[in-house]
Amino acid sequence: AALPPNLVESELFGYEPGAFTGADKKGRKGKFEQAEGGTIFLDEIGDMPLEVQAKLLRVLQDKIIERIGGDRSRPVDFRLVSATNKDLQGMVESGSFRLDLFYRLSPIVIEVPPLRERIDDIPLLVDKFLQDIAYRHARPTPHISDEALAELTERSWPGNIRQLQHEIERAFVFSDGVTIGIADLSEIPRRPQKLPGPAESIAQPTRSRELK
């Protein structure tokens, strides 16, 4: 998705000398050739143009690539890992993603739930981010208060882990360098709280908060 559509093919498959205007006179290896004997990771594969999807399918099936402007096939051997935040099955039904490529990509699928569905990971992620940021700035790793950590677990995190990472880096900058408190956090709406039903007493939510 980070590549312009007209450059995706040349970046992935490479090109021969003089294949098009502005091409390197020596030609260039594509990402698949560079991944020979290793692993290539394609992020946001749901944004891949249909015409490139057809060529990718051939690479996965036959383990060969053909550079742009070339007339011979080159064997390649690599492991492919891909990721997307889109519903590929829905895209197959709408005709924007190839069914045969979908099956080639999905023998092993690992679904990563959003951060709001794995709140227990937040303390571990916060510790990791604080250590990394402190190391990068050559400063001691600050402590985060229990109140600040509890506040982070109440937020919805629509931006997932990247948003949490940015929040911790911001708090690191505004803290006293020793402890990160609630005052160091930015103001972000919390996750919607479930309202008590008709049969529930007002004391129940209060008691639940005290047990956390």
N, C-alpha and C. Protein backbone atom coordinates (compact mmCIF):
# COMPACT_ATOMS: atom_id res chain seq x y z
N ALA A 1 0.82 -1.21 0.00
CA ALA A 1 0.00 0.00 0.00
C ALA A 1 0.86 1.26 0.00
N ALA A 2 2.10 1.16 0.45
CA ALA A 2 2.98 2.32 0.50
C ALA A 2 3.57 2.64 -0.87
N LEU A 3 3.40 1.74 -1.84
CA LEU A 3 3.96 1.95 -3.18
C LEU A 3 2.90 2.47 -4.13
N PRO A 4 3.24 3.42 -5.01
CA PRO A 4 2.29 3.84 -6.04
C PRO A 4 1.91 2.65 -6.91
N PRO A 5 0.64 2.56 -7.36
CA PRO A 5 0.20 1.40 -8.15
C PRO A 5 1.07 1.11 -9.36
N ASN A 6 1.61 2.16 -9.99
CA ASN A 6 2.41 1.93 -11.19
C ASN A 6 3.81 1.43 -10.88
N LEU A 7 4.18 1.39 -9.60
CA LEU A 7 5.51 0.92 -9.23
C LEU A 7 5.49 -0.42 -8.50
N VAL A 8 4.30 -0.90 -8.14
CA VAL A 8 4.21 -2.15 -7.38
C VAL A 8 4.86 -3.29 -8.14
N GLU A 9 4.54 -3.42 -9.43
CA GLU A 9 5.05 -4.54 -10.22
C GLU A 9 6.57 -4.50 -10.34
N SER A 10 7.13 -3.34 -10.65
CA SER A 10 8.58 -3.25 -10.81
C SER A 10 9.30 -3.47 -9.49
N GLU A 11 8.71 -3.03 -8.37
CA GLU A 11 9.34 -3.22 -7.07
C GLU A 11 9.33 -4.69 -6.65
N LEU A 12 8.25 -5.39 -6.96
CA LEU A 12 8.14 -6.78 -6.54
C LEU A 12 8.89 -7.73 -7.47
N PHE A 13 8.78 -7.50 -8.78
CA PHE A 13 9.33 -8.45 -9.75
C PHE A 13 10.65 -7.98 -10.36
N GLY A 14 11.00 -6.72 -10.20
CA GLY A 14 12.23 -6.22 -10.79
C GLY A 14 12.05 -5.91 -12.26
N TYR A 15 13.12 -5.43 -12.89
CA TYR A 15 13.04 -5.09 -14.31
C TYR A 15 14.42 -5.22 -14.95
N GLU A 16 14.39 -5.39 -16.27
CA GLU A 16 15.61 -5.51 -17.06
C GLU A 16 16.11 -4.12 -17.46
N PRO A 17 17.38 -4.00 -17.87
CA PRO A 17 17.89 -2.69 -18.32
C PRO A 17 17.05 -2.13 -19.46
N GLY A 18 16.70 -0.84 -19.34
CA GLY A 18 15.94 -0.18 -20.39
C GLY A 18 14.50 -0.64 -20.52
N ALA A 19 13.96 -1.25 -19.49
CA ALA A 19 12.59 -1.78 -19.57
C ALA A 19 11.57 -0.66 -19.73
N PHE A 20 11.85 0.51 -19.18
CA PHE A 20 10.93 1.64 -19.31
C PHE A 20 11.72 2.92 -19.07
N THR A 21 11.11 4.03 -19.39
CA THR A 21 11.76 5.33 -19.24
C THR A 21 12.10 5.58 -17.77
N GLY A 22 13.35 5.92 -17.52
CA GLY A 22 13.78 6.17 -16.15
C GLY A 22 14.29 4.95 -15.42
N ALA A 23 14.26 3.80 -16.09
CA ALA A 23 14.74 2.57 -15.45
C ALA A 23 16.25 2.60 -15.29
N ASP A 24 16.75 1.93 -14.26
CA ASP A 24 18.18 1.81 -14.04
C ASP A 24 18.82 1.10 -15.22
N LYS A 25 19.94 1.62 -15.70
CA LYS A 25 20.60 1.05 -16.88
C LYS A 25 21.08 -0.38 -16.63
N LYS A 26 21.29 -0.72 -15.37
CA LYS A 26 21.74 -2.07 -15.04
C LYS A 26 20.58 -3.01 -14.70
N GLY A 27 19.37 -2.47 -14.70
CA GLY A 27 18.25 -3.29 -14.26
C GLY A 27 18.21 -3.35 -12.74
N ARG A 28 17.24 -4.05 -12.22
CA ARG A 28 17.15 -4.14 -10.76
C ARG A 28 16.40 -5.41 -10.35
N LYS A 29 16.90 -6.01 -9.28
CA LYS A 29 16.20 -7.16 -8.70
C LYS A 29 14.94 -6.69 -7.98
N GLY A 30 13.89 -7.48 -8.08
CA GLY A 30 12.67 -7.17 -7.34
C GLY A 30 12.75 -7.73 -5.93
N LYS A 31 11.75 -7.42 -5.15
CA LYS A 31 11.73 -7.87 -3.75
C LYS A 31 11.70 -9.39 -3.64
N PHE A 32 11.02 -10.07 -4.58
CA PHE A 32 10.97 -11.52 -4.51
C PHE A 32 12.35 -12.14 -4.73
N GLU A 33 13.11 -11.60 -5.67
CA GLU A 33 14.48 -12.11 -5.88
C GLU A 33 15.35 -11.81 -4.67
N GLN A 34 15.17 -10.64 -4.08
CA GLN A 34 15.97 -10.27 -2.91
C GLN A 34 15.66 -11.17 -1.71
N ALA A 35 14.46 -11.73 -1.71
CA ALA A 35 14.04 -12.59 -0.59
C ALA A 35 14.45 -14.05 -0.80
N GLU A 36 15.21 -14.33 -1.83
CA GLU A 36 15.62 -15.69 -2.13
C GLU A 36 16.26 -16.35 -0.90
N GLY A 37 15.70 -17.50 -0.51
CA GLY A 37 16.23 -18.23 0.64
C GLY A 37 15.78 -17.67 1.98
N GLY A 38 14.88 -16.68 1.96
CA GLY A 38 14.46 -16.06 3.21
C GLY A 38 12.96 -15.83 3.23
N THR A 39 12.55 -14.73 3.84
CA THR A 39 11.14 -14.42 4.03
C THR A 39 10.84 -13.02 3.53
N ILE A 40 9.71 -12.87 2.86
CA ILE A 40 9.25 -11.55 2.45
C ILE A 40 7.90 -11.29 3.12
N PHE A 41 7.74 -10.09 3.65
CA PHE A 41 6.50 -9.71 4.34
C PHE A 41 5.80 -8.64 3.52
N LEU A 42 4.58 -8.95 3.07
CA LEU A 42 3.78 -7.99 2.32
C LEU A 42 2.66 -7.47 3.23
N ASP A 43 2.78 -6.23 3.63
CA ASP A 43 1.76 -5.63 4.49
C ASP A 43 0.64 -5.06 3.63
N GLU A 44 -0.57 -5.02 4.17
CA GLU A 44 -1.73 -4.47 3.48
C GLU A 44 -1.91 -5.09 2.10
N ILE A 45 -1.87 -6.41 2.05
CA ILE A 45 -1.95 -7.10 0.76
C ILE A 45 -3.34 -6.93 0.13
N GLY A 46 -4.33 -6.54 0.92
CA GLY A 46 -5.66 -6.28 0.38
C GLY A 46 -5.70 -5.10 -0.56
N ASP A 47 -4.65 -4.27 -0.56
CA ASP A 47 -4.59 -3.11 -1.45
C ASP A 47 -3.84 -3.40 -2.75
N MET A 48 -3.45 -4.65 -2.95
CA MET A 48 -2.69 -5.00 -4.16
C MET A 48 -3.60 -4.96 -5.39
N PRO A 49 -3.18 -4.28 -6.47
CA PRO A 49 -3.99 -4.22 -7.69
C PRO A 49 -4.27 -5.63 -8.25
N LEU A 50 -5.43 -5.79 -8.89
CA LEU A 50 -5.83 -7.09 -9.41
C LEU A 50 -4.82 -7.66 -10.40
N GLU A 51 -4.26 -6.81 -11.27
CA GLU A 51 -3.31 -7.33 -12.26
C GLU A 51 -2.05 -7.86 -11.61
N VAL A 52 -1.64 -7.26 -10.49
CA VAL A 52 -0.46 -7.74 -9.78
C VAL A 52 -0.81 -9.01 -8.99
N GLN A 53 -2.05 -9.10 -8.52
CA GLN A 53 -2.49 -10.32 -7.83
C GLN A 53 -2.31 -11.54 -8.72
N ALA A 54 -2.63 -11.41 -10.01
CA ALA A 54 -2.49 -12.54 -10.93
C ALA A 54 -1.04 -12.98 -11.04
N LYS A 55 -0.12 -12.02 -11.08
CA LYS A 55 1.29 -12.36 -11.18
C LYS A 55 1.81 -12.96 -9.88
N LEU A 56 1.31 -12.45 -8.77
CA LEU A 56 1.72 -13.01 -7.48
C LEU A 56 1.26 -14.45 -7.37
N LEU A 57 0.08 -14.75 -7.86
CA LEU A 57 -0.43 -16.12 -7.83
C LEU A 57 0.50 -17.05 -8.58
N ARG A 58 1.00 -16.61 -9.72
CA ARG A 58 1.92 -17.44 -10.49
C ARG A 58 3.22 -17.68 -9.73
N VAL A 59 3.69 -16.64 -9.05
CA VAL A 59 4.92 -16.79 -8.27
C VAL A 59 4.73 -17.85 -7.19
N LEU A 60 3.60 -17.79 -6.50
CA LEU A 60 3.34 -18.73 -5.41
C LEU A 60 3.12 -20.15 -5.92
N GLN A 61 2.53 -20.28 -7.10
CA GLN A 61 2.25 -21.61 -7.64
C GLN A 61 3.48 -22.25 -8.27
N ASP A 62 4.18 -21.47 -9.11
CA ASP A 62 5.26 -22.04 -9.91
C ASP A 62 6.64 -21.75 -9.35
N LYS A 63 6.73 -20.84 -8.37
CA LYS A 63 8.02 -20.46 -7.79
C LYS A 63 8.97 -19.87 -8.84
N ILE A 64 8.41 -19.10 -9.76
CA ILE A 64 9.23 -18.42 -10.77
C ILE A 64 8.73 -16.99 -10.92
N ILE A 65 9.64 -16.09 -11.30
CA ILE A 65 9.25 -14.71 -11.58
C ILE A 65 9.84 -14.33 -12.94
N GLU A 66 9.28 -13.29 -13.50
CA GLU A 66 9.80 -12.75 -14.76
C GLU A 66 9.87 -11.25 -14.61
N ARG A 67 11.06 -10.70 -14.77
CA ARG A 67 11.24 -9.26 -14.62
C ARG A 67 10.50 -8.51 -15.73
N ILE A 68 10.14 -7.28 -15.44
CA ILE A 68 9.53 -6.43 -16.46
C ILE A 68 10.54 -6.21 -17.58
N GLY A 69 10.11 -6.41 -18.81
CA GLY A 69 11.00 -6.25 -19.96
C GLY A 69 11.88 -7.46 -20.21
N GLY A 70 11.73 -8.50 -19.41
CA GLY A 70 12.55 -9.70 -19.58
C GLY A 70 11.84 -10.75 -20.41
N ASP A 71 12.61 -11.73 -20.89
CA ASP A 71 12.03 -12.80 -21.71
C ASP A 71 12.39 -14.17 -21.16
N ARG A 72 12.85 -14.23 -19.92
CA ARG A 72 13.15 -15.52 -19.33
C ARG A 72 12.68 -15.54 -17.87
N SER A 73 12.32 -16.72 -17.45
CA SER A 73 11.83 -16.91 -16.08
C SER A 73 12.99 -17.20 -15.14
N ARG A 74 12.84 -16.79 -13.89
CA ARG A 74 13.87 -17.00 -12.89
C ARG A 74 13.26 -17.73 -11.70
N PRO A 75 13.86 -18.84 -11.29
CA PRO A 75 13.32 -19.56 -10.13
C PRO A 75 13.57 -18.78 -8.84
N VAL A 76 12.61 -18.80 -7.95
CA VAL A 76 12.76 -18.13 -6.65
C VAL A 76 12.23 -19.06 -5.57
N ASP A 77 12.81 -18.94 -4.40
CA ASP A 77 12.39 -19.77 -3.27
C ASP A 77 12.38 -18.88 -2.03
N PHE A 78 11.20 -18.59 -1.53
CA PHE A 78 11.08 -17.73 -0.36
C PHE A 78 9.83 -18.10 0.42
N ARG A 79 9.76 -17.63 1.64
CA ARG A 79 8.58 -17.79 2.48
C ARG A 79 7.81 -16.47 2.44
N LEU A 80 6.51 -16.56 2.23
CA LEU A 80 5.69 -15.35 2.16
C LEU A 80 4.82 -15.22 3.41
N VAL A 81 4.90 -14.05 4.03
CA VAL A 81 4.02 -13.70 5.14
C VAL A 81 3.29 -12.42 4.72
N SER A 82 1.98 -12.42 4.83
CA SER A 82 1.21 -11.24 4.42
C SER A 82 0.28 -10.83 5.56
N ALA A 83 -0.18 -9.59 5.50
CA ALA A 83 -1.09 -9.07 6.53
C ALA A 83 -2.06 -8.09 5.90
N THR A 84 -3.21 -7.97 6.51
CA THR A 84 -4.20 -7.00 6.06
C THR A 84 -5.19 -6.74 7.18
N ASN A 85 -5.79 -5.56 7.18
CA ASN A 85 -6.85 -5.26 8.13
C ASN A 85 -8.21 -5.27 7.43
N LYS A 86 -8.24 -5.79 6.21
CA LYS A 86 -9.48 -5.84 5.43
C LYS A 86 -10.07 -7.24 5.45
N ASP A 87 -11.32 -7.32 5.12
CA ASP A 87 -12.02 -8.60 5.04
C ASP A 87 -11.80 -9.17 3.64
N LEU A 88 -10.81 -10.05 3.50
CA LEU A 88 -10.48 -10.58 2.18
C LEU A 88 -11.62 -11.43 1.61
N GLN A 89 -12.32 -12.14 2.46
CA GLN A 89 -13.44 -12.95 1.97
C GLN A 89 -14.52 -12.05 1.37
N GLY A 90 -14.79 -10.94 2.02
CA GLY A 90 -15.75 -9.98 1.48
C GLY A 90 -15.26 -9.38 0.18
N MET A 91 -13.95 -9.14 0.08
CA MET A 91 -13.38 -8.59 -1.15
C MET A 91 -13.46 -9.61 -2.28
N VAL A 92 -13.32 -10.90 -1.95
CA VAL A 92 -13.47 -11.94 -2.97
C VAL A 92 -14.89 -11.92 -3.52
N GLU A 93 -15.87 -11.80 -2.65
CA GLU A 93 -17.26 -11.78 -3.08
C GLU A 93 -17.58 -10.56 -3.93
N SER A 94 -16.91 -9.43 -3.66
CA SER A 94 -17.16 -8.22 -4.44
C SER A 94 -16.32 -8.16 -5.71
N GLY A 95 -15.39 -9.12 -5.87
CA GLY A 95 -14.58 -9.17 -7.08
C GLY A 95 -13.32 -8.33 -7.04
N SER A 96 -12.97 -7.79 -5.87
CA SER A 96 -11.77 -6.95 -5.77
C SER A 96 -10.55 -7.73 -5.29
N PHE A 97 -10.72 -9.01 -4.99
CA PHE A 97 -9.57 -9.85 -4.62
C PHE A 97 -9.80 -11.23 -5.20
N ARG A 98 -8.73 -11.81 -5.76
CA ARG A 98 -8.85 -13.09 -6.45
C ARG A 98 -9.08 -14.23 -5.47
N LEU A 99 -10.04 -15.09 -5.81
CA LEU A 99 -10.35 -16.23 -4.96
C LEU A 99 -9.19 -17.20 -4.90
N ASP A 100 -8.55 -17.50 -6.06
CA ASP A 100 -7.45 -18.45 -6.06
C ASP A 100 -6.26 -17.94 -5.26
N LEU A 101 -6.01 -16.62 -5.30
CA LEU A 101 -4.93 -16.06 -4.50
C LEU A 101 -5.27 -16.11 -3.01
N PHE A 102 -6.53 -15.88 -2.69
CA PHE A 102 -6.97 -15.95 -1.30
C PHE A 102 -6.67 -17.32 -0.71
N TYR A 103 -6.95 -18.38 -1.45
CA TYR A 103 -6.69 -19.73 -0.96
C TYR A 103 -5.20 -20.00 -0.85
N ARG A 104 -4.42 -19.42 -1.74
CA ARG A 104 -2.97 -19.59 -1.67
C ARG A 104 -2.39 -18.91 -0.44
N LEU A 105 -3.00 -17.83 -0.03
CA LEU A 105 -2.46 -17.05 1.09
C LEU A 105 -2.95 -17.53 2.45
N SER A 106 -4.01 -18.34 2.47
CA SER A 106 -4.66 -18.62 3.75
C SER A 106 -4.56 -20.05 4.26
N PRO A 107 -3.50 -20.82 3.96
CA PRO A 107 -3.38 -22.12 4.62
C PRO A 107 -3.23 -21.98 6.13
N ILE A 108 -2.45 -20.96 6.53
CA ILE A 108 -2.26 -20.69 7.96
C ILE A 108 -2.65 -19.24 8.21
N VAL A 109 -3.67 -19.03 9.01
CA VAL A 109 -4.16 -17.69 9.30
C VAL A 109 -4.07 -17.43 10.80
N ILE A 110 -3.45 -16.31 11.16
CA ILE A 110 -3.36 -15.89 12.55
C ILE A 110 -4.14 -14.59 12.69
N GLU A 111 -5.22 -14.63 13.42
CA GLU A 111 -6.01 -13.42 13.63
C GLU A 111 -5.51 -12.70 14.88
N VAL A 112 -5.19 -11.43 14.72
CA VAL A 112 -4.72 -10.62 15.84
C VAL A 112 -5.87 -9.72 16.26
N PRO A 113 -6.46 -9.96 17.42
CA PRO A 113 -7.60 -9.14 17.85
C PRO A 113 -7.15 -7.72 18.17
N PRO A 114 -8.07 -6.75 18.10
CA PRO A 114 -7.71 -5.38 18.44
C PRO A 114 -7.32 -5.26 19.91
N LEU A 115 -6.59 -4.22 20.22
CA LEU A 115 -6.07 -4.04 21.58
C LEU A 115 -7.20 -3.98 22.62
N ARG A 116 -8.35 -3.43 22.24
CA ARG A 116 -9.45 -3.31 23.20
C ARG A 116 -9.98 -4.68 23.63
N GLU A 117 -9.66 -5.73 22.86
CA GLU A 117 -10.10 -7.08 23.21
C GLU A 117 -9.02 -7.87 23.93
N ARG A 118 -7.89 -7.27 24.16
CA ARG A 118 -6.83 -7.94 24.93
C ARG A 118 -6.18 -6.94 25.88
N ILE A 119 -7.00 -6.43 26.76
CA ILE A 119 -6.57 -5.41 27.71
C ILE A 119 -5.45 -5.92 28.61
N ASP A 120 -5.41 -7.22 28.86
CA ASP A 120 -4.37 -7.78 29.74
C ASP A 120 -2.97 -7.59 29.16
N ASP A 121 -2.88 -7.32 27.86
CA ASP A 121 -1.57 -7.11 27.24
C ASP A 121 -1.02 -5.71 27.51
N ILE A 122 -1.88 -4.79 27.91
CA ILE A 122 -1.45 -3.39 28.03
C ILE A 122 -0.29 -3.21 29.02
N PRO A 123 -0.32 -3.78 30.25
CA PRO A 123 0.82 -3.60 31.15
C PRO A 123 2.14 -4.10 30.55
N LEU A 124 2.11 -5.23 29.86
CA LEU A 124 3.33 -5.75 29.24
C LEU A 124 3.82 -4.83 28.14
N LEU A 125 2.90 -4.33 27.32
CA LEU A 125 3.28 -3.43 26.23
C LEU A 125 3.83 -2.11 26.78
N VAL A 126 3.20 -1.60 27.81
CA VAL A 126 3.66 -0.35 28.42
C VAL A 126 5.09 -0.50 28.94
N ASP A 127 5.37 -1.60 29.64
CA ASP A 127 6.73 -1.83 30.14
C ASP A 127 7.74 -1.88 28.99
N LYS A 128 7.35 -2.57 27.92
CA LYS A 128 8.24 -2.69 26.76
C LYS A 128 8.50 -1.33 26.13
N PHE A 129 7.45 -0.54 25.93
CA PHE A 129 7.62 0.77 25.30
C PHE A 129 8.45 1.70 26.17
N LEU A 130 8.22 1.67 27.48
CA LEU A 130 9.00 2.54 28.38
C LEU A 130 10.48 2.19 28.34
N GLN A 131 10.78 0.89 28.32
CA GLN A 131 12.18 0.47 28.25
C GLN A 131 12.83 0.92 26.95
N ASP A 132 12.10 0.77 25.84
CA ASP A 132 12.66 1.15 24.54
C ASP A 132 12.88 2.65 24.45
N ILE A 133 11.89 3.42 24.91
CA ILE A 133 12.01 4.88 24.83
C ILE A 133 13.13 5.38 25.73
N ALA A 134 13.22 4.84 26.94
CA ALA A 134 14.28 5.25 27.87
C ALA A 134 15.66 4.92 27.30
N TYR A 135 15.78 3.76 26.68
CA TYR A 135 17.06 3.37 26.08
C TYR A 135 17.43 4.31 24.93
N ARG A 136 16.41 4.65 24.12
CA ARG A 136 16.66 5.52 22.96
C ARG A 136 17.12 6.91 23.39
N HIS A 137 16.59 7.39 24.52
CA HIS A 137 16.94 8.73 24.99
C HIS A 137 18.02 8.71 26.07
N ALA A 138 18.57 7.51 26.34
CA ALA A 138 19.65 7.38 27.34
C ALA A 138 19.22 7.96 28.70
N ARG A 139 18.00 7.58 29.12
CA ARG A 139 17.48 8.02 30.41
C ARG A 139 16.98 6.82 31.19
N PRO A 140 16.89 6.95 32.52
CA PRO A 140 16.35 5.84 33.32
C PRO A 140 14.90 5.54 32.93
N THR A 141 14.51 4.30 33.08
CA THR A 141 13.14 3.90 32.76
C THR A 141 12.21 4.36 33.88
N PRO A 142 11.23 5.22 33.57
CA PRO A 142 10.33 5.68 34.63
C PRO A 142 9.33 4.61 35.03
N HIS A 143 8.74 4.80 36.18
CA HIS A 143 7.69 3.90 36.68
C HIS A 143 6.34 4.49 36.30
N ILE A 144 5.37 3.67 35.97
CA ILE A 144 4.02 4.14 35.69
C ILE A 144 3.13 3.79 36.87
N SER A 145 2.38 4.75 37.35
CA SER A 145 1.56 4.53 38.54
C SER A 145 0.41 3.58 38.24
N ASP A 146 -0.10 2.95 39.30
CA ASP A 146 -1.23 2.03 39.13
C ASP A 146 -2.45 2.76 38.59
N GLU A 147 -2.64 4.02 39.01
CA GLU A 147 -3.79 4.79 38.52
C GLU A 147 -3.68 5.06 37.02
N ALA A 148 -2.48 5.41 36.57
CA ALA A 148 -2.29 5.68 35.14
C ALA A 148 -2.47 4.41 34.33
N LEU A 149 -1.97 3.30 34.85
CA LEU A 149 -2.12 2.02 34.15
C LEU A 149 -3.59 1.62 34.08
N ALA A 150 -4.32 1.84 35.16
CA ALA A 150 -5.75 1.54 35.16
C ALA A 150 -6.49 2.42 34.16
N GLU A 151 -6.08 3.67 34.05
CA GLU A 151 -6.70 4.58 33.08
C GLU A 151 -6.47 4.08 31.66
N LEU A 152 -5.28 3.59 31.37
CA LEU A 152 -4.97 3.09 30.02
C LEU A 152 -5.83 1.88 29.67
N THR A 153 -6.13 1.05 30.65
CA THR A 153 -6.93 -0.14 30.37
C THR A 153 -8.41 0.19 30.15
N GLU A 154 -8.81 1.41 30.48
CA GLU A 154 -10.21 1.82 30.31
C GLU A 154 -10.45 2.47 28.95
N ARG A 155 -9.41 2.69 28.20
CA ARG A 155 -9.57 3.40 26.92
C ARG A 155 -9.87 2.42 25.78
N SER A 156 -10.43 2.96 24.70
CA SER A 156 -10.91 2.10 23.61
C SER A 156 -9.82 1.75 22.60
N TRP A 157 -8.80 2.59 22.42
CA TRP A 157 -7.66 2.34 21.54
C TRP A 157 -8.06 2.01 20.10
N PRO A 158 -8.74 2.93 19.41
CA PRO A 158 -9.06 2.67 18.00
C PRO A 158 -7.82 2.55 17.12
N GLY A 159 -6.71 3.15 17.57
CA GLY A 159 -5.46 3.05 16.82
C GLY A 159 -4.60 1.88 17.24
N ASN A 160 -5.13 1.03 18.12
CA ASN A 160 -4.44 -0.19 18.56
C ASN A 160 -3.06 0.10 19.15
N ILE A 161 -2.10 -0.80 18.90
CA ILE A 161 -0.82 -0.72 19.60
C ILE A 161 -0.03 0.54 19.23
N ARG A 162 -0.14 0.98 17.98
CA ARG A 162 0.58 2.20 17.60
C ARG A 162 0.10 3.39 18.43
N GLN A 163 -1.20 3.46 18.65
CA GLN A 163 -1.74 4.56 19.45
C GLN A 163 -1.24 4.47 20.89
N LEU A 164 -1.20 3.27 21.45
CA LEU A 164 -0.68 3.09 22.81
C LEU A 164 0.79 3.50 22.87
N GLN A 165 1.55 3.11 21.88
CA GLN A 165 2.97 3.45 21.85
C GLN A 165 3.17 4.97 21.82
N HIS A 166 2.40 5.66 20.99
CA HIS A 166 2.50 7.12 20.92
C HIS A 166 2.08 7.77 22.24
N GLU A 167 1.07 7.20 22.87
CA GLU A 167 0.60 7.74 24.15
C GLU A 167 1.69 7.61 25.22
N ILE A 168 2.37 6.47 25.25
CA ILE A 168 3.43 6.26 26.24
C ILE A 168 4.61 7.19 25.96
N GLU A 169 4.93 7.39 24.69
CA GLU A 169 6.04 8.28 24.37
C GLU A 169 5.71 9.72 24.76
N ARG A 170 4.47 10.12 24.54
CA ARG A 170 4.05 11.46 24.94
C ARG A 170 4.13 11.62 26.46
N ALA A 171 3.63 10.61 27.20
CA ALA A 171 3.66 10.67 28.65
C ALA A 171 5.10 10.70 29.16
N PHE A 172 5.98 9.98 28.49
CA PHE A 172 7.40 9.97 28.88
C PHE A 172 7.98 11.38 28.81
N VAL A 173 7.62 12.11 27.76
CA VAL A 173 8.14 13.46 27.57
C VAL A 173 7.61 14.42 28.64
N PHE A 174 6.32 14.29 29.00
CA PHE A 174 5.70 15.23 29.92
C PHE A 174 5.86 14.84 31.38
N SER A 175 6.38 13.65 31.65
CA SER A 175 6.53 13.22 33.04
C SER A 175 7.78 13.85 33.67
N ASP A 176 7.92 13.62 34.98
CA ASP A 176 9.10 14.15 35.69
C ASP A 176 10.32 13.24 35.52
N GLY A 177 10.17 12.17 34.73
CA GLY A 177 11.28 11.26 34.49
C GLY A 177 11.38 10.15 35.51
N VAL A 178 10.57 10.22 36.55
CA VAL A 178 10.59 9.20 37.61
C VAL A 178 9.32 8.36 37.57
N THR A 179 8.18 9.03 37.55
CA THR A 179 6.90 8.34 37.57
C THR A 179 5.95 8.96 36.55
N ILE A 180 5.25 8.12 35.82
CA ILE A 180 4.22 8.59 34.90
C ILE A 180 2.87 8.43 35.60
N GLY A 181 2.17 9.57 35.78
CA GLY A 181 0.87 9.56 36.43
C GLY A 181 -0.24 9.89 35.45
N ILE A 182 -1.46 9.91 35.97
CA ILE A 182 -2.61 10.22 35.13
C ILE A 182 -2.48 11.61 34.49
N ALA A 183 -1.92 12.56 35.21
CA ALA A 183 -1.79 13.91 34.69
C ALA A 183 -0.89 13.98 33.46
N ASP A 184 -0.04 12.98 33.28
CA ASP A 184 0.87 12.97 32.13
C ASP A 184 0.22 12.38 30.88
N LEU A 185 -0.95 11.78 31.04
CA LEU A 185 -1.64 11.17 29.91
C LEU A 185 -2.51 12.19 29.19
N SER A 186 -2.70 11.98 27.90
CA SER A 186 -3.58 12.86 27.14
C SER A 186 -5.03 12.51 27.43
N GLU A 187 -5.92 13.43 27.12
CA GLU A 187 -7.34 13.20 27.35
C GLU A 187 -7.95 12.49 26.15
N ILE A 188 -8.31 11.23 26.33
CA ILE A 188 -8.90 10.41 25.27
C ILE A 188 -10.16 9.77 25.83
N PRO A 189 -11.24 9.72 25.06
CA PRO A 189 -12.47 9.09 25.56
C PRO A 189 -12.24 7.64 25.95
N ARG A 190 -12.87 7.22 27.02
CA ARG A 190 -12.77 5.84 27.48
C ARG A 190 -13.70 4.94 26.69
N ARG A 191 -13.53 3.64 26.90
CA ARG A 191 -14.47 2.68 26.31
C ARG A 191 -15.84 2.89 26.92
N PRO A 192 -16.90 2.74 26.11
CA PRO A 192 -18.25 2.90 26.66
C PRO A 192 -18.50 1.90 27.79
N GLN A 193 -19.04 2.38 28.86
CA GLN A 193 -19.33 1.51 29.99
C GLN A 193 -20.74 0.96 29.87
N LYS A 194 -20.94 -0.30 30.22
CA LYS A 194 -22.26 -0.91 30.18
C LYS A 194 -23.12 -0.34 31.30
N LEU A 195 -24.28 0.17 30.92
CA LEU A 195 -25.18 0.74 31.92
C LEU A 195 -25.90 -0.38 32.67
N PRO A 196 -26.18 -0.21 33.95
CA PRO A 196 -26.88 -1.25 34.71
C PRO A 196 -28.29 -1.45 34.20
N GLY A 197 -28.72 -2.71 34.14
CA GLY A 197 -30.07 -3.03 33.69
C GLY A 197 -31.08 -2.74 34.78
N PRO A 198 -32.37 -2.91 34.45
CA PRO A 198 -33.42 -2.60 35.44
C PRO A 198 -33.29 -3.38 36.73
N ALA A 199 -32.78 -4.64 36.64
CA ALA A 199 -32.71 -5.47 37.83
C ALA A 199 -31.41 -5.28 38.59
N GLU A 200 -30.48 -4.46 38.04
CA GLU A 200 -29.19 -4.28 38.68
C GLU A 200 -29.22 -3.06 39.58
N SER A 201 -28.53 -3.15 40.67
CA SER A 201 -28.46 -2.02 41.59
C SER A 201 -27.28 -1.14 41.22
N ILE A 202 -27.32 0.09 41.62
CA ILE A 202 -26.23 1.03 41.32
C ILE A 202 -24.96 0.61 42.05
N ALA A 203 -25.09 -0.16 43.13
CA ALA A 203 -23.91 -0.55 43.91
C ALA A 203 -23.05 -1.56 43.16
N GLN A 204 -23.63 -2.30 42.23
CA GLN A 204 -22.86 -3.35 41.56
C GLN A 204 -21.70 -2.79 40.73
N PRO A 205 -21.92 -1.79 39.85
CA PRO A 205 -20.78 -1.24 39.10
C PRO A 205 -19.71 -0.66 40.01
N THR A 206 -20.14 -0.01 41.11
CA THR A 206 -19.16 0.57 42.04
C THR A 206 -18.29 -0.53 42.66
N ARG A 207 -18.93 -1.62 43.05
CA ARG A 207 -18.19 -2.73 43.65
C ARG A 207 -17.24 -3.34 42.64
N SER A 208 -17.65 -3.43 41.36
CA SER A 208 -16.80 -3.99 40.33
C SER A 208 -15.56 -3.16 40.13
N ARG A 209 -15.71 -1.83 40.19
CA ARG A 209 -14.53 -0.97 40.01
C ARG A 209 -13.56 -1.15 41.16
N GLU A 210 -14.10 -1.37 42.36
CA GLU A 210 -13.21 -1.52 43.50
C GLU A 210 -12.44 -2.84 43.43
N LEU A 211 -12.99 -3.84 42.75
CA LEU A 211 -12.31 -5.11 42.68
C LEU A 211 -11.22 -5.14 41.63
N LYS A 212 -11.23 -4.16 40.72
CA LYS A 212 -10.23 -4.17 39.64
C LYS A 212 -8.86 -3.87 40.16
